Amino acid sequence: MSTTTRDRIIEQVDRLDDTQRQQVLDFARRLTAPEGTPGRDLLRFAGAVDPADLEVMSKAIQQACEQVDPNAW
């Protein structure tokens, strides 16, 4: 019978203490986390949108959100 990678991982994790298991869990979560851009990299765009445009967008969102269009699908 062939041992799968999953089985080998479980065997190794079973040998760890709780602190080490938490580290493995944290690592696995980082591996599966969606990639994105850190907020600090977006700070250069702060203030780039005109306040009047932001107001128009805000009003459009308020008017259009939470409305169901049964014919949209």
N, C-alpha and C. Protein backbone atom coordinates (compact mmCIF):
# COMPACT_ATOMS: atom_id res chain seq x y z
N MET A 1 0.85 -1.18 0.00
CA MET A 1 0.00 0.00 0.00
C MET A 1 0.89 1.25 0.00
N SER A 2 0.59 2.16 -0.88
CA SER A 2 1.37 3.39 -1.02
C SER A 2 0.92 4.43 0.00
N THR A 3 1.91 5.08 0.60
CA THR A 3 1.61 6.16 1.54
C THR A 3 1.52 7.47 0.77
N THR A 4 0.42 8.16 0.94
CA THR A 4 0.24 9.43 0.24
C THR A 4 0.98 10.54 0.98
N THR A 5 1.19 11.62 0.29
CA THR A 5 1.82 12.78 0.90
C THR A 5 1.00 13.25 2.10
N ARG A 6 -0.30 13.22 1.96
CA ARG A 6 -1.18 13.63 3.06
C ARG A 6 -0.95 12.75 4.29
N ASP A 7 -0.85 11.45 4.08
CA ASP A 7 -0.60 10.53 5.18
C ASP A 7 0.74 10.80 5.85
N ARG A 8 1.74 11.08 5.04
CA ARG A 8 3.08 11.37 5.60
C ARG A 8 3.07 12.66 6.40
N ILE A 9 2.33 13.65 5.92
CA ILE A 9 2.23 14.91 6.66
C ILE A 9 1.55 14.66 8.00
N ILE A 10 0.48 13.92 7.99
CA ILE A 10 -0.25 13.62 9.23
C ILE A 10 0.64 12.86 10.21
N GLU A 11 1.42 11.91 9.71
CA GLU A 11 2.35 11.17 10.58
C GLU A 11 3.33 12.12 11.26
N GLN A 12 3.84 13.07 10.50
CA GLN A 12 4.80 14.02 11.07
C GLN A 12 4.14 14.96 12.06
N VAL A 13 2.96 15.45 11.72
CA VAL A 13 2.24 16.37 12.60
C VAL A 13 1.87 15.68 13.91
N ASP A 14 1.55 14.41 13.85
CA ASP A 14 1.22 13.66 15.06
C ASP A 14 2.39 13.60 16.04
N ARG A 15 3.60 13.79 15.56
CA ARG A 15 4.79 13.75 16.42
C ARG A 15 5.09 15.10 17.09
N LEU A 16 4.37 16.12 16.69
CA LEU A 16 4.65 17.47 17.18
C LEU A 16 3.87 17.78 18.45
N ASP A 17 4.38 18.75 19.21
CA ASP A 17 3.61 19.22 20.36
C ASP A 17 2.62 20.28 19.88
N ASP A 18 1.75 20.74 20.77
CA ASP A 18 0.69 21.68 20.37
C ASP A 18 1.23 22.97 19.78
N THR A 19 2.32 23.48 20.33
CA THR A 19 2.90 24.72 19.80
C THR A 19 3.39 24.52 18.38
N GLN A 20 4.04 23.41 18.13
CA GLN A 20 4.54 23.13 16.80
C GLN A 20 3.39 22.88 15.82
N ARG A 21 2.34 22.24 16.29
CA ARG A 21 1.17 22.02 15.43
C ARG A 21 0.55 23.35 15.03
N GLN A 22 0.52 24.29 15.97
CA GLN A 22 -0.03 25.61 15.65
C GLN A 22 0.83 26.29 14.59
N GLN A 23 2.15 26.11 14.67
CA GLN A 23 3.04 26.69 13.67
C GLN A 23 2.77 26.08 12.29
N VAL A 24 2.56 24.77 12.26
CA VAL A 24 2.24 24.10 10.99
C VAL A 24 0.92 24.63 10.43
N LEU A 25 -0.07 24.78 11.31
CA LEU A 25 -1.36 25.30 10.87
C LEU A 25 -1.22 26.72 10.32
N ASP A 26 -0.48 27.56 11.02
CA ASP A 26 -0.27 28.94 10.56
C ASP A 26 0.41 28.95 9.19
N PHE A 27 1.40 28.08 9.03
CA PHE A 27 2.11 28.00 7.75
C PHE A 27 1.17 27.54 6.64
N ALA A 28 0.38 26.52 6.90
CA ALA A 28 -0.56 26.02 5.89
C ALA A 28 -1.56 27.10 5.50
N ARG A 29 -2.02 27.86 6.47
CA ARG A 29 -2.96 28.96 6.16
C ARG A 29 -2.30 30.02 5.30
N ARG A 30 -1.04 30.31 5.56
CA ARG A 30 -0.34 31.31 4.73
C ARG A 30 -0.20 30.79 3.29
N LEU A 31 0.03 29.50 3.15
CA LEU A 31 0.17 28.92 1.81
C LEU A 31 -1.13 29.01 1.02
N THR A 32 -2.26 28.91 1.70
CA THR A 32 -3.54 28.90 1.01
C THR A 32 -4.22 30.25 0.98
N ALA A 33 -3.62 31.25 1.62
CA ALA A 33 -4.22 32.59 1.64
C ALA A 33 -4.15 33.21 0.25
N PRO A 34 -5.19 33.90 -0.13
CA PRO A 34 -5.15 34.57 -1.43
C PRO A 34 -4.06 35.63 -1.45
N GLU A 35 -3.42 35.73 -2.58
CA GLU A 35 -2.39 36.76 -2.71
C GLU A 35 -3.05 38.10 -2.95
N GLY A 36 -2.42 39.12 -2.48
CA GLY A 36 -2.96 40.46 -2.66
C GLY A 36 -1.86 41.48 -2.50
N THR A 37 -2.26 42.71 -2.50
CA THR A 37 -1.32 43.81 -2.35
C THR A 37 -1.46 44.37 -0.95
N PRO A 38 -0.36 44.43 -0.20
CA PRO A 38 -0.44 45.02 1.14
C PRO A 38 -0.90 46.47 1.06
N GLY A 39 -1.67 46.87 2.04
CA GLY A 39 -2.19 48.24 2.07
C GLY A 39 -1.11 49.29 1.98
N ARG A 40 0.04 49.02 2.61
CA ARG A 40 1.12 50.02 2.59
C ARG A 40 1.58 50.31 1.16
N ASP A 41 1.42 49.33 0.25
CA ASP A 41 1.81 49.55 -1.14
C ASP A 41 0.79 50.40 -1.89
N LEU A 42 -0.39 50.54 -1.33
CA LEU A 42 -1.45 51.32 -1.98
C LEU A 42 -1.52 52.76 -1.48
N LEU A 43 -0.76 53.06 -0.45
CA LEU A 43 -0.82 54.41 0.13
C LEU A 43 -0.48 55.50 -0.87
N ARG A 44 0.32 55.17 -1.86
CA ARG A 44 0.69 56.20 -2.86
C ARG A 44 -0.52 56.69 -3.65
N PHE A 45 -1.61 55.92 -3.62
CA PHE A 45 -2.83 56.31 -4.33
C PHE A 45 -3.78 57.14 -3.46
N ALA A 46 -3.46 57.27 -2.19
CA ALA A 46 -4.33 58.03 -1.28
C ALA A 46 -4.48 59.46 -1.80
N GLY A 47 -5.72 59.91 -1.88
CA GLY A 47 -6.00 61.26 -2.35
C GLY A 47 -6.00 61.41 -3.86
N ALA A 48 -5.82 60.32 -4.59
CA ALA A 48 -5.73 60.39 -6.04
C ALA A 48 -7.10 60.60 -6.70
N VAL A 49 -8.16 60.24 -6.01
CA VAL A 49 -9.50 60.39 -6.57
C VAL A 49 -10.11 61.68 -6.05
N ASP A 50 -10.64 62.44 -6.95
CA ASP A 50 -11.25 63.72 -6.60
C ASP A 50 -12.40 63.51 -5.62
N PRO A 51 -12.49 64.30 -4.54
CA PRO A 51 -13.56 64.14 -3.56
C PRO A 51 -14.97 64.20 -4.17
N ALA A 52 -15.16 65.01 -5.19
CA ALA A 52 -16.47 65.08 -5.84
C ALA A 52 -16.81 63.75 -6.52
N ASP A 53 -15.82 63.12 -7.11
CA ASP A 53 -16.04 61.81 -7.73
C ASP A 53 -16.36 60.77 -6.66
N LEU A 54 -15.70 60.85 -5.53
CA LEU A 54 -15.98 59.92 -4.43
C LEU A 54 -17.42 60.08 -3.95
N GLU A 55 -17.89 61.30 -3.92
CA GLU A 55 -19.28 61.54 -3.49
C GLU A 55 -20.26 60.93 -4.48
N VAL A 56 -19.99 61.09 -5.77
CA VAL A 56 -20.85 60.50 -6.80
C VAL A 56 -20.86 58.97 -6.66
N MET A 57 -19.69 58.37 -6.45
CA MET A 57 -19.60 56.92 -6.30
C MET A 57 -20.35 56.47 -5.04
N SER A 58 -20.19 57.19 -3.97
CA SER A 58 -20.85 56.85 -2.72
C SER A 58 -22.37 56.86 -2.88
N LYS A 59 -22.90 57.88 -3.55
CA LYS A 59 -24.35 57.97 -3.77
C LYS A 59 -24.82 56.83 -4.67
N ALA A 60 -24.05 56.50 -5.69
CA ALA A 60 -24.43 55.41 -6.59
C ALA A 60 -24.47 54.08 -5.84
N ILE A 61 -23.52 53.88 -4.96
CA ILE A 61 -23.49 52.64 -4.17
C ILE A 61 -24.70 52.57 -3.25
N GLN A 62 -25.00 53.67 -2.60
CA GLN A 62 -26.14 53.70 -1.68
C GLN A 62 -27.46 53.44 -2.42
N GLN A 63 -27.57 53.95 -3.62
CA GLN A 63 -28.81 53.79 -4.38
C GLN A 63 -28.94 52.39 -4.97
N ALA A 64 -27.83 51.79 -5.35
CA ALA A 64 -27.89 50.53 -6.08
C ALA A 64 -27.72 49.29 -5.20
N CYS A 65 -27.09 49.45 -4.06
CA CYS A 65 -26.82 48.27 -3.22
C CYS A 65 -28.09 47.78 -2.53
N GLU A 66 -28.09 46.49 -2.28
CA GLU A 66 -29.17 45.80 -1.58
C GLU A 66 -30.49 45.84 -2.35
N GLN A 67 -30.40 46.03 -3.64
CA GLN A 67 -31.59 45.96 -4.48
C GLN A 67 -31.50 44.69 -5.31
N VAL A 68 -32.58 43.99 -5.43
CA VAL A 68 -32.60 42.75 -6.18
C VAL A 68 -33.32 42.98 -7.50
N ASP A 69 -32.64 42.57 -8.56
CA ASP A 69 -33.24 42.63 -9.89
C ASP A 69 -33.51 41.19 -10.30
N PRO A 70 -34.76 40.73 -10.19
CA PRO A 70 -35.05 39.32 -10.49
C PRO A 70 -34.78 38.95 -11.95
N ASN A 71 -34.68 39.92 -12.82
CA ASN A 71 -34.43 39.63 -14.24
C ASN A 71 -32.94 39.67 -14.58
N ALA A 72 -32.10 39.92 -13.58
CA ALA A 72 -30.67 40.04 -13.85
C ALA A 72 -30.01 38.71 -14.13
N TRP A 73 -30.61 37.61 -13.72
CA TRP A 73 -29.98 36.30 -13.92
C TRP A 73 -30.59 35.64 -15.07
